[in-house]
Amino acid sequence: MFKRDASYEEFLDRLHALELLLTPQGLWDVPHPWLNMFVPSSRISDFNEGVFKDIILKQNIPPGACLVYPMNRNKWDDRMSAVIPEEDVFYSVNIFQSASGLDEVEKYQVQNQKILQFCKDTNIKIKEYLTGNKTHQEWVEHFGLKWKLFEDRKAKFDPNKLLSPGQGIFQ
């Protein structure tokens, strides 16, 4: 694993840099089974040992780019729908994979599931960002204490239930 500090401008433009790197290799316009999550700071060392060292580095598939950076809870507005860990500091962990074929997509999806299962088994209370493929009950668990607020907003701003029907958030 490599560590590098980035300027503010580089940070804001971090995905564009990845696009520029992957496009000449033919790896940008392909499926990206990415995994994005927020990890509580109190468990980031456990996450590093269990995920980066014991899952990602031991897989026989090429690792993608990983971005890890700390965030402050007090910079987030609780009125937002996004759910974050219940700690003052947490880490945004982004594992970017580019699959060259359906076999690789499946391998990365299996790896992502192993990561999520590891977090569940070790009680690392991560929150996924840009998540998908969840059941209604898993969505309720994902939003936790914000579920009622989220449900109320859905009723208020989308009473005809036209938006996001395919995600299965609301039944």
N, C-alpha and C. Protein backbone atom coordinates (compact mmCIF):
# COMPACT_ATOMS: atom_id res chain seq x y z
N MET A 1 0.84 -1.17 0.00
CA MET A 1 0.00 0.00 0.00
C MET A 1 0.89 1.24 0.00
N PHE A 2 0.43 2.24 -0.69
CA PHE A 2 1.19 3.47 -0.80
C PHE A 2 0.44 4.60 -0.12
N LYS A 3 1.18 5.55 0.38
CA LYS A 3 0.59 6.70 1.05
C LYS A 3 1.13 7.96 0.40
N ARG A 4 0.24 8.90 0.15
CA ARG A 4 0.67 10.14 -0.45
C ARG A 4 -0.29 11.25 -0.04
N ASP A 5 0.25 12.37 0.38
CA ASP A 5 -0.58 13.52 0.68
C ASP A 5 -0.94 14.20 -0.63
N ALA A 6 -2.10 14.82 -0.66
CA ALA A 6 -2.57 15.49 -1.87
C ALA A 6 -2.93 16.94 -1.54
N SER A 7 -2.75 17.80 -2.52
CA SER A 7 -3.18 19.18 -2.35
C SER A 7 -4.71 19.21 -2.34
N TYR A 8 -5.26 20.33 -1.94
CA TYR A 8 -6.72 20.48 -1.91
C TYR A 8 -7.29 20.31 -3.32
N GLU A 9 -6.64 20.90 -4.30
CA GLU A 9 -7.10 20.79 -5.69
C GLU A 9 -7.04 19.33 -6.17
N GLU A 10 -5.97 18.63 -5.86
CA GLU A 10 -5.87 17.21 -6.23
C GLU A 10 -6.96 16.39 -5.56
N PHE A 11 -7.24 16.72 -4.30
CA PHE A 11 -8.29 16.00 -3.58
C PHE A 11 -9.64 16.18 -4.26
N LEU A 12 -9.97 17.42 -4.61
CA LEU A 12 -11.25 17.69 -5.25
C LEU A 12 -11.36 17.03 -6.61
N ASP A 13 -10.23 16.88 -7.28
CA ASP A 13 -10.22 16.33 -8.64
C ASP A 13 -9.72 14.89 -8.67
N ARG A 14 -9.84 14.17 -7.55
CA ARG A 14 -9.22 12.86 -7.41
C ARG A 14 -9.75 11.82 -8.39
N LEU A 15 -11.01 11.84 -8.74
CA LEU A 15 -11.52 10.84 -9.68
C LEU A 15 -11.13 11.15 -11.11
N HIS A 16 -10.97 12.43 -11.43
CA HIS A 16 -10.52 12.77 -12.78
C HIS A 16 -9.11 12.23 -13.02
N ALA A 17 -8.27 12.34 -12.01
CA ALA A 17 -6.91 11.80 -12.14
C ALA A 17 -6.96 10.29 -12.38
N LEU A 18 -7.87 9.60 -11.70
CA LEU A 18 -8.03 8.16 -11.90
C LEU A 18 -8.52 7.88 -13.32
N GLU A 19 -9.45 8.70 -13.80
CA GLU A 19 -9.94 8.54 -15.18
C GLU A 19 -8.80 8.70 -16.18
N LEU A 20 -7.96 9.71 -15.98
CA LEU A 20 -6.83 9.93 -16.89
C LEU A 20 -5.85 8.76 -16.87
N LEU A 21 -5.69 8.14 -15.72
CA LEU A 21 -4.79 6.99 -15.59
C LEU A 21 -5.37 5.76 -16.28
N LEU A 22 -6.67 5.52 -16.11
CA LEU A 22 -7.29 4.29 -16.60
C LEU A 22 -7.69 4.33 -18.07
N THR A 23 -7.99 5.51 -18.61
CA THR A 23 -8.47 5.60 -20.00
C THR A 23 -7.47 5.03 -21.00
N PRO A 24 -6.19 5.39 -20.96
CA PRO A 24 -5.25 4.83 -21.95
C PRO A 24 -5.08 3.32 -21.84
N GLN A 25 -5.39 2.77 -20.67
CA GLN A 25 -5.27 1.32 -20.46
C GLN A 25 -6.55 0.58 -20.86
N GLY A 26 -7.56 1.35 -21.31
CA GLY A 26 -8.83 0.75 -21.68
C GLY A 26 -9.63 0.28 -20.48
N LEU A 27 -9.37 0.86 -19.31
CA LEU A 27 -10.02 0.41 -18.09
C LEU A 27 -10.99 1.44 -17.50
N TRP A 28 -11.33 2.49 -18.28
CA TRP A 28 -12.27 3.46 -17.75
C TRP A 28 -13.71 3.13 -18.17
N ASP A 29 -13.90 2.79 -19.43
CA ASP A 29 -15.24 2.49 -19.94
C ASP A 29 -15.58 1.02 -19.75
N VAL A 30 -15.38 0.54 -18.55
CA VAL A 30 -15.67 -0.85 -18.19
C VAL A 30 -16.42 -0.83 -16.85
N PRO A 31 -16.99 -1.95 -16.42
CA PRO A 31 -17.67 -1.96 -15.12
C PRO A 31 -16.70 -1.62 -13.97
N HIS A 32 -17.22 -0.90 -13.01
CA HIS A 32 -16.44 -0.50 -11.83
C HIS A 32 -17.16 -0.95 -10.56
N PRO A 33 -16.89 -2.14 -10.09
CA PRO A 33 -17.53 -2.60 -8.84
C PRO A 33 -16.85 -1.96 -7.62
N TRP A 34 -17.04 -0.66 -7.49
CA TRP A 34 -16.40 0.10 -6.42
C TRP A 34 -17.10 -0.13 -5.10
N LEU A 35 -16.34 0.06 -4.03
CA LEU A 35 -16.89 -0.03 -2.68
C LEU A 35 -16.50 1.24 -1.94
N ASN A 36 -17.49 1.99 -1.50
CA ASN A 36 -17.27 3.25 -0.80
C ASN A 36 -17.93 3.16 0.56
N MET A 37 -17.19 3.52 1.60
CA MET A 37 -17.76 3.41 2.94
C MET A 37 -17.11 4.40 3.89
N PHE A 38 -17.79 4.62 4.98
CA PHE A 38 -17.27 5.43 6.07
C PHE A 38 -16.94 4.48 7.22
N VAL A 39 -15.72 4.59 7.73
CA VAL A 39 -15.23 3.69 8.79
C VAL A 39 -14.94 4.52 10.04
N PRO A 40 -15.48 4.12 11.20
CA PRO A 40 -15.20 4.85 12.44
C PRO A 40 -13.69 4.88 12.72
N SER A 41 -13.20 6.02 13.18
CA SER A 41 -11.76 6.15 13.43
C SER A 41 -11.27 5.16 14.48
N SER A 42 -12.11 4.81 15.44
CA SER A 42 -11.69 3.88 16.48
C SER A 42 -11.41 2.48 15.94
N ARG A 43 -11.86 2.19 14.72
CA ARG A 43 -11.69 0.85 14.15
C ARG A 43 -10.87 0.84 12.87
N ILE A 44 -10.26 1.97 12.52
CA ILE A 44 -9.54 2.03 11.24
C ILE A 44 -8.33 1.08 11.23
N SER A 45 -7.68 0.89 12.36
CA SER A 45 -6.55 -0.06 12.40
C SER A 45 -7.03 -1.49 12.20
N ASP A 46 -8.15 -1.84 12.82
CA ASP A 46 -8.73 -3.18 12.62
C ASP A 46 -9.13 -3.37 11.16
N PHE A 47 -9.70 -2.32 10.58
CA PHE A 47 -10.10 -2.36 9.17
C PHE A 47 -8.87 -2.57 8.29
N ASN A 48 -7.80 -1.85 8.58
CA ASN A 48 -6.56 -1.98 7.81
C ASN A 48 -6.04 -3.42 7.87
N GLU A 49 -5.97 -3.97 9.07
CA GLU A 49 -5.46 -5.34 9.23
C GLU A 49 -6.36 -6.36 8.53
N GLY A 50 -7.65 -6.25 8.76
CA GLY A 50 -8.57 -7.26 8.25
C GLY A 50 -8.92 -7.12 6.78
N VAL A 51 -8.99 -5.88 6.30
CA VAL A 51 -9.41 -5.67 4.91
C VAL A 51 -8.21 -5.50 3.99
N PHE A 52 -7.41 -4.48 4.21
CA PHE A 52 -6.30 -4.23 3.29
C PHE A 52 -5.26 -5.35 3.32
N LYS A 53 -4.88 -5.79 4.51
CA LYS A 53 -3.82 -6.80 4.62
C LYS A 53 -4.33 -8.23 4.44
N ASP A 54 -5.48 -8.56 5.03
CA ASP A 54 -5.94 -9.96 5.01
C ASP A 54 -6.89 -10.29 3.87
N ILE A 55 -7.52 -9.31 3.26
CA ILE A 55 -8.43 -9.62 2.15
C ILE A 55 -7.85 -9.13 0.83
N ILE A 56 -7.64 -7.83 0.70
CA ILE A 56 -7.24 -7.26 -0.59
C ILE A 56 -5.86 -7.75 -1.03
N LEU A 57 -4.86 -7.66 -0.15
CA LEU A 57 -3.51 -8.04 -0.57
C LEU A 57 -3.34 -9.54 -0.77
N LYS A 58 -4.23 -10.35 -0.23
CA LYS A 58 -4.13 -11.81 -0.39
C LYS A 58 -4.97 -12.34 -1.55
N GLN A 59 -5.72 -11.48 -2.21
CA GLN A 59 -6.53 -11.91 -3.35
C GLN A 59 -5.64 -12.05 -4.58
N ASN A 60 -6.02 -12.93 -5.44
CA ASN A 60 -5.28 -13.13 -6.68
C ASN A 60 -5.92 -12.33 -7.82
N ILE A 61 -6.32 -11.11 -7.51
CA ILE A 61 -6.86 -10.21 -8.53
C ILE A 61 -6.16 -8.87 -8.37
N PRO A 62 -5.96 -8.16 -9.47
CA PRO A 62 -5.21 -6.90 -9.38
C PRO A 62 -5.93 -5.87 -8.52
N PRO A 63 -5.23 -5.29 -7.56
CA PRO A 63 -5.88 -4.29 -6.72
C PRO A 63 -6.07 -2.99 -7.50
N GLY A 64 -7.13 -2.29 -7.18
CA GLY A 64 -7.37 -0.99 -7.79
C GLY A 64 -6.82 0.10 -6.88
N ALA A 65 -7.21 1.32 -7.18
CA ALA A 65 -6.80 2.44 -6.34
C ALA A 65 -7.64 2.47 -5.07
N CYS A 66 -7.01 2.85 -3.98
CA CYS A 66 -7.72 2.99 -2.71
C CYS A 66 -7.48 4.40 -2.19
N LEU A 67 -8.55 5.08 -1.86
CA LEU A 67 -8.44 6.40 -1.25
C LEU A 67 -8.97 6.31 0.17
N VAL A 68 -8.17 6.80 1.11
CA VAL A 68 -8.57 6.79 2.52
C VAL A 68 -8.26 8.17 3.07
N TYR A 69 -9.28 8.82 3.61
CA TYR A 69 -9.01 10.13 4.19
C TYR A 69 -9.97 10.40 5.35
N PRO A 70 -9.47 11.13 6.37
CA PRO A 70 -10.29 11.39 7.55
C PRO A 70 -11.31 12.50 7.30
N MET A 71 -12.40 12.41 8.03
CA MET A 71 -13.46 13.42 7.94
C MET A 71 -13.93 13.75 9.35
N ASN A 72 -14.38 14.98 9.53
CA ASN A 72 -14.89 15.44 10.82
C ASN A 72 -16.41 15.46 10.82
N ARG A 73 -16.99 14.82 11.79
CA ARG A 73 -18.45 14.75 11.90
C ARG A 73 -19.08 16.14 11.99
N ASN A 74 -18.42 17.07 12.67
CA ASN A 74 -19.02 18.39 12.86
C ASN A 74 -19.10 19.20 11.56
N LYS A 75 -18.52 18.70 10.49
CA LYS A 75 -18.63 19.36 9.19
C LYS A 75 -19.84 18.86 8.40
N TRP A 76 -20.56 17.89 8.94
CA TRP A 76 -21.73 17.32 8.28
C TRP A 76 -22.99 17.89 8.92
N ASP A 77 -23.98 18.12 8.11
CA ASP A 77 -25.26 18.62 8.58
C ASP A 77 -26.18 17.43 8.83
N ASP A 78 -26.67 17.30 10.05
CA ASP A 78 -27.52 16.16 10.40
C ASP A 78 -28.84 16.12 9.63
N ARG A 79 -29.17 17.22 8.95
CA ARG A 79 -30.40 17.22 8.16
C ARG A 79 -30.23 16.46 6.85
N MET A 80 -28.99 16.17 6.48
CA MET A 80 -28.74 15.42 5.25
C MET A 80 -29.19 13.97 5.41
N SER A 81 -29.51 13.35 4.30
CA SER A 81 -29.93 11.94 4.33
C SER A 81 -28.76 11.00 4.52
N ALA A 82 -27.56 11.45 4.20
CA ALA A 82 -26.39 10.59 4.33
C ALA A 82 -26.23 10.13 5.77
N VAL A 83 -25.83 8.88 5.93
CA VAL A 83 -25.57 8.36 7.27
C VAL A 83 -24.07 8.16 7.44
N ILE A 84 -23.59 8.57 8.61
CA ILE A 84 -22.17 8.49 8.90
C ILE A 84 -21.99 7.84 10.27
N PRO A 85 -20.78 7.34 10.55
CA PRO A 85 -20.53 6.72 11.85
C PRO A 85 -20.75 7.71 13.00
N GLU A 86 -21.02 7.17 14.16
CA GLU A 86 -21.32 7.97 15.35
C GLU A 86 -20.05 8.35 16.11
N GLU A 87 -19.04 8.81 15.41
CA GLU A 87 -17.79 9.24 16.05
C GLU A 87 -17.42 10.61 15.51
N ASP A 88 -16.64 11.36 16.28
CA ASP A 88 -16.25 12.70 15.86
C ASP A 88 -15.39 12.68 14.60
N VAL A 89 -14.57 11.65 14.45
CA VAL A 89 -13.73 11.50 13.26
C VAL A 89 -14.01 10.13 12.67
N PHE A 90 -14.14 10.09 11.37
CA PHE A 90 -14.30 8.82 10.66
C PHE A 90 -13.55 8.93 9.35
N TYR A 91 -13.35 7.80 8.70
CA TYR A 91 -12.59 7.77 7.46
C TYR A 91 -13.48 7.42 6.29
N SER A 92 -13.28 8.14 5.21
CA SER A 92 -13.89 7.75 3.94
C SER A 92 -12.92 6.78 3.30
N VAL A 93 -13.38 5.56 3.04
CA VAL A 93 -12.55 4.53 2.43
C VAL A 93 -13.19 4.18 1.10
N ASN A 94 -12.45 4.35 0.03
CA ASN A 94 -12.96 4.12 -1.31
C ASN A 94 -12.04 3.14 -2.02
N ILE A 95 -12.60 2.03 -2.42
CA ILE A 95 -11.83 0.99 -3.11
C ILE A 95 -12.32 0.97 -4.55
N PHE A 96 -11.49 1.48 -5.45
CA PHE A 96 -11.87 1.62 -6.86
C PHE A 96 -11.28 0.47 -7.67
N GLN A 97 -12.15 -0.33 -8.25
CA GLN A 97 -11.72 -1.46 -9.08
C GLN A 97 -12.23 -1.23 -10.50
N SER A 98 -11.48 -1.69 -11.48
CA SER A 98 -11.90 -1.65 -12.88
C SER A 98 -11.81 -3.06 -13.41
N ALA A 99 -12.94 -3.59 -13.84
CA ALA A 99 -13.00 -4.98 -14.30
C ALA A 99 -12.90 -5.03 -15.82
N SER A 100 -12.03 -5.89 -16.32
CA SER A 100 -11.86 -6.01 -17.77
C SER A 100 -12.84 -7.00 -18.38
N GLY A 101 -13.59 -7.70 -17.57
CA GLY A 101 -14.58 -8.65 -18.08
C GLY A 101 -15.52 -9.09 -16.98
N LEU A 102 -16.52 -9.86 -17.35
CA LEU A 102 -17.52 -10.29 -16.37
C LEU A 102 -16.93 -11.15 -15.27
N ASP A 103 -15.90 -11.95 -15.59
CA ASP A 103 -15.26 -12.76 -14.56
C ASP A 103 -14.66 -11.88 -13.47
N GLU A 104 -14.00 -10.80 -13.90
CA GLU A 104 -13.40 -9.89 -12.92
C GLU A 104 -14.46 -9.15 -12.12
N VAL A 105 -15.57 -8.78 -12.77
CA VAL A 105 -16.66 -8.12 -12.04
C VAL A 105 -17.09 -9.01 -10.89
N GLU A 106 -17.29 -10.29 -11.20
CA GLU A 106 -17.73 -11.23 -10.17
C GLU A 106 -16.69 -11.36 -9.05
N LYS A 107 -15.41 -11.43 -9.42
CA LYS A 107 -14.35 -11.53 -8.40
C LYS A 107 -14.36 -10.32 -7.47
N TYR A 108 -14.49 -9.13 -8.06
CA TYR A 108 -14.51 -7.92 -7.24
C TYR A 108 -15.76 -7.86 -6.37
N GLN A 109 -16.89 -8.29 -6.91
CA GLN A 109 -18.11 -8.30 -6.10
C GLN A 109 -17.99 -9.27 -4.93
N VAL A 110 -17.38 -10.41 -5.17
CA VAL A 110 -17.14 -11.37 -4.08
C VAL A 110 -16.21 -10.74 -3.04
N GLN A 111 -15.15 -10.08 -3.52
CA GLN A 111 -14.23 -9.41 -2.60
C GLN A 111 -14.97 -8.35 -1.78
N ASN A 112 -15.80 -7.55 -2.44
CA ASN A 112 -16.56 -6.52 -1.72
C ASN A 112 -17.45 -7.14 -0.65
N GLN A 113 -18.08 -8.26 -0.98
CA GLN A 113 -18.93 -8.94 0.00
C GLN A 113 -18.11 -9.47 1.18
N LYS A 114 -16.90 -9.96 0.89
CA LYS A 114 -16.01 -10.42 1.98
C LYS A 114 -15.67 -9.26 2.91
N ILE A 115 -15.42 -8.10 2.32
CA ILE A 115 -15.09 -6.92 3.12
C ILE A 115 -16.27 -6.53 4.01
N LEU A 116 -17.45 -6.48 3.42
CA LEU A 116 -18.64 -6.12 4.19
C LEU A 116 -18.93 -7.15 5.28
N GLN A 117 -18.73 -8.43 4.95
CA GLN A 117 -18.97 -9.49 5.94
C GLN A 117 -17.94 -9.40 7.07
N PHE A 118 -16.68 -9.11 6.73
CA PHE A 118 -15.66 -8.94 7.75
C PHE A 118 -16.07 -7.83 8.72
N CYS A 119 -16.52 -6.71 8.17
CA CYS A 119 -16.93 -5.59 9.03
C CYS A 119 -18.09 -5.98 9.92
N LYS A 120 -19.03 -6.71 9.37
CA LYS A 120 -20.18 -7.16 10.16
C LYS A 120 -19.74 -8.13 11.25
N ASP A 121 -18.91 -9.11 10.88
CA ASP A 121 -18.46 -10.13 11.83
C ASP A 121 -17.62 -9.55 12.97
N THR A 122 -16.88 -8.49 12.69
CA THR A 122 -16.00 -7.89 13.71
C THR A 122 -16.63 -6.64 14.34
N ASN A 123 -17.89 -6.39 14.00
CA ASN A 123 -18.64 -5.28 14.57
C ASN A 123 -18.00 -3.92 14.28
N ILE A 124 -17.42 -3.79 13.10
CA ILE A 124 -16.95 -2.47 12.65
C ILE A 124 -18.17 -1.81 12.01
N LYS A 125 -18.69 -0.81 12.66
CA LYS A 125 -19.95 -0.20 12.23
C LYS A 125 -19.73 0.79 11.09
N ILE A 126 -19.42 0.22 9.92
CA ILE A 126 -19.23 1.05 8.73
C ILE A 126 -20.58 1.52 8.22
N LYS A 127 -20.53 2.55 7.42
CA LYS A 127 -21.71 3.01 6.69
C LYS A 127 -21.30 3.07 5.23
N GLU A 128 -22.03 2.36 4.41
CA GLU A 128 -21.72 2.39 2.98
C GLU A 128 -22.20 3.71 2.38
N TYR A 129 -21.47 4.15 1.37
CA TYR A 129 -21.81 5.35 0.63
C TYR A 129 -22.01 4.92 -0.81
N LEU A 130 -23.04 5.41 -1.45
CA LEU A 130 -23.38 4.99 -2.82
C LEU A 130 -23.61 3.49 -2.86
N THR A 131 -24.37 3.03 -1.93
CA THR A 131 -24.62 1.61 -1.79
C THR A 131 -25.77 1.17 -2.67
N GLY A 132 -25.92 -0.10 -2.82
CA GLY A 132 -27.01 -0.65 -3.62
C GLY A 132 -27.23 -2.11 -3.29
N ASN A 133 -28.15 -2.74 -4.01
CA ASN A 133 -28.42 -4.17 -3.86
C ASN A 133 -28.76 -4.55 -2.43
N LYS A 134 -29.66 -3.80 -1.81
CA LYS A 134 -30.07 -4.11 -0.45
C LYS A 134 -31.55 -4.44 -0.42
N THR A 135 -31.93 -5.22 0.56
CA THR A 135 -33.35 -5.48 0.79
C THR A 135 -33.93 -4.28 1.55
N HIS A 136 -35.24 -4.24 1.64
CA HIS A 136 -35.89 -3.16 2.39
C HIS A 136 -35.37 -3.13 3.83
N GLN A 137 -35.28 -4.28 4.46
CA GLN A 137 -34.82 -4.33 5.85
C GLN A 137 -33.37 -3.87 5.97
N GLU A 138 -32.54 -4.21 5.00
CA GLU A 138 -31.14 -3.75 5.03
C GLU A 138 -31.06 -2.23 4.88
N TRP A 139 -31.97 -1.65 4.07
CA TRP A 139 -32.02 -0.19 3.96
C TRP A 139 -32.42 0.43 5.30
N VAL A 140 -33.39 -0.16 5.97
CA VAL A 140 -33.82 0.35 7.29
C VAL A 140 -32.63 0.31 8.25
N GLU A 141 -31.88 -0.78 8.25
CA GLU A 141 -30.69 -0.90 9.11
C GLU A 141 -29.62 0.11 8.71
N HIS A 142 -29.44 0.31 7.40
CA HIS A 142 -28.44 1.26 6.90
C HIS A 142 -28.72 2.67 7.43
N PHE A 143 -29.97 3.10 7.34
CA PHE A 143 -30.32 4.45 7.78
C PHE A 143 -30.46 4.56 9.29
N GLY A 144 -30.65 3.46 9.97
CA GLY A 144 -30.69 3.47 11.43
C GLY A 144 -31.67 4.49 11.98
N LEU A 145 -31.17 5.36 12.86
CA LEU A 145 -32.01 6.36 13.50
C LEU A 145 -32.58 7.38 12.51
N LYS A 146 -31.99 7.49 11.34
CA LYS A 146 -32.49 8.43 10.33
C LYS A 146 -33.61 7.85 9.48
N TRP A 147 -33.94 6.57 9.67
CA TRP A 147 -34.93 5.93 8.80
C TRP A 147 -36.26 6.66 8.81
N LYS A 148 -36.78 7.01 9.98
CA LYS A 148 -38.09 7.66 10.07
C LYS A 148 -38.07 9.00 9.34
N LEU A 149 -37.01 9.78 9.54
CA LEU A 149 -36.87 11.06 8.86
C LEU A 149 -36.81 10.85 7.34
N PHE A 150 -36.06 9.86 6.92
CA PHE A 150 -35.92 9.55 5.50
C PHE A 150 -37.28 9.16 4.91
N GLU A 151 -38.01 8.34 5.63
CA GLU A 151 -39.33 7.89 5.20
C GLU A 151 -40.31 9.07 5.13
N ASP A 152 -40.25 9.96 6.11
CA ASP A 152 -41.12 11.14 6.12
C ASP A 152 -40.81 12.05 4.93
N ARG A 153 -39.54 12.22 4.62
CA ARG A 153 -39.16 13.05 3.48
C ARG A 153 -39.63 12.44 2.16
N LYS A 154 -39.54 11.15 2.07
CA LYS A 154 -40.03 10.47 0.87
C LYS A 154 -41.52 10.74 0.68
N ALA A 155 -42.29 10.63 1.75
CA ALA A 155 -43.73 10.87 1.68
C ALA A 155 -44.03 12.33 1.32
N LYS A 156 -43.24 13.24 1.84
CA LYS A 156 -43.47 14.66 1.60
C LYS A 156 -43.06 15.08 0.19
N PHE A 157 -41.88 14.68 -0.25
CA PHE A 157 -41.34 15.17 -1.51
C PHE A 157 -41.59 14.26 -2.71
N ASP A 158 -42.00 13.03 -2.47
CA ASP A 158 -42.29 12.09 -3.56
C ASP A 158 -43.52 11.25 -3.19
N PRO A 159 -44.66 11.92 -2.98
CA PRO A 159 -45.85 11.19 -2.53
C PRO A 159 -46.35 10.14 -3.53
N ASN A 160 -46.04 10.33 -4.80
CA ASN A 160 -46.47 9.36 -5.82
C ASN A 160 -45.45 8.24 -6.04
N LYS A 161 -44.37 8.28 -5.27
CA LYS A 161 -43.33 7.24 -5.31
C LYS A 161 -42.79 7.01 -6.72
N LEU A 162 -42.42 8.12 -7.38
CA LEU A 162 -41.89 8.05 -8.73
C LEU A 162 -40.37 7.92 -8.76
N LEU A 163 -39.71 8.45 -7.75
CA LEU A 163 -38.24 8.49 -7.75
C LEU A 163 -37.64 7.24 -7.13
N SER A 164 -36.60 6.74 -7.73
CA SER A 164 -35.81 5.61 -7.23
C SER A 164 -36.60 4.35 -6.89
N PRO A 165 -37.49 3.91 -7.76
CA PRO A 165 -38.25 2.70 -7.43
C PRO A 165 -37.41 1.43 -7.50
N GLY A 166 -36.35 1.43 -8.29
CA GLY A 166 -35.56 0.22 -8.50
C GLY A 166 -34.62 -0.15 -7.38
N GLN A 167 -34.39 0.77 -6.45
CA GLN A 167 -33.44 0.48 -5.38
C GLN A 167 -34.06 -0.32 -4.25
N GLY A 168 -35.37 -0.42 -4.23
CA GLY A 168 -36.03 -1.22 -3.20
C GLY A 168 -35.99 -0.62 -1.82
N ILE A 169 -35.74 0.68 -1.72
CA ILE A 169 -35.67 1.31 -0.41
C ILE A 169 -37.05 1.30 0.24
N PHE A 170 -38.04 1.70 -0.53
CA PHE A 170 -39.42 1.78 -0.03
C PHE A 170 -40.24 0.71 -0.73
N GLN A 171 -40.99 -0.03 0.04
CA GLN A 171 -41.78 -1.10 -0.57
C GLN A 171 -43.17 -0.62 -0.91
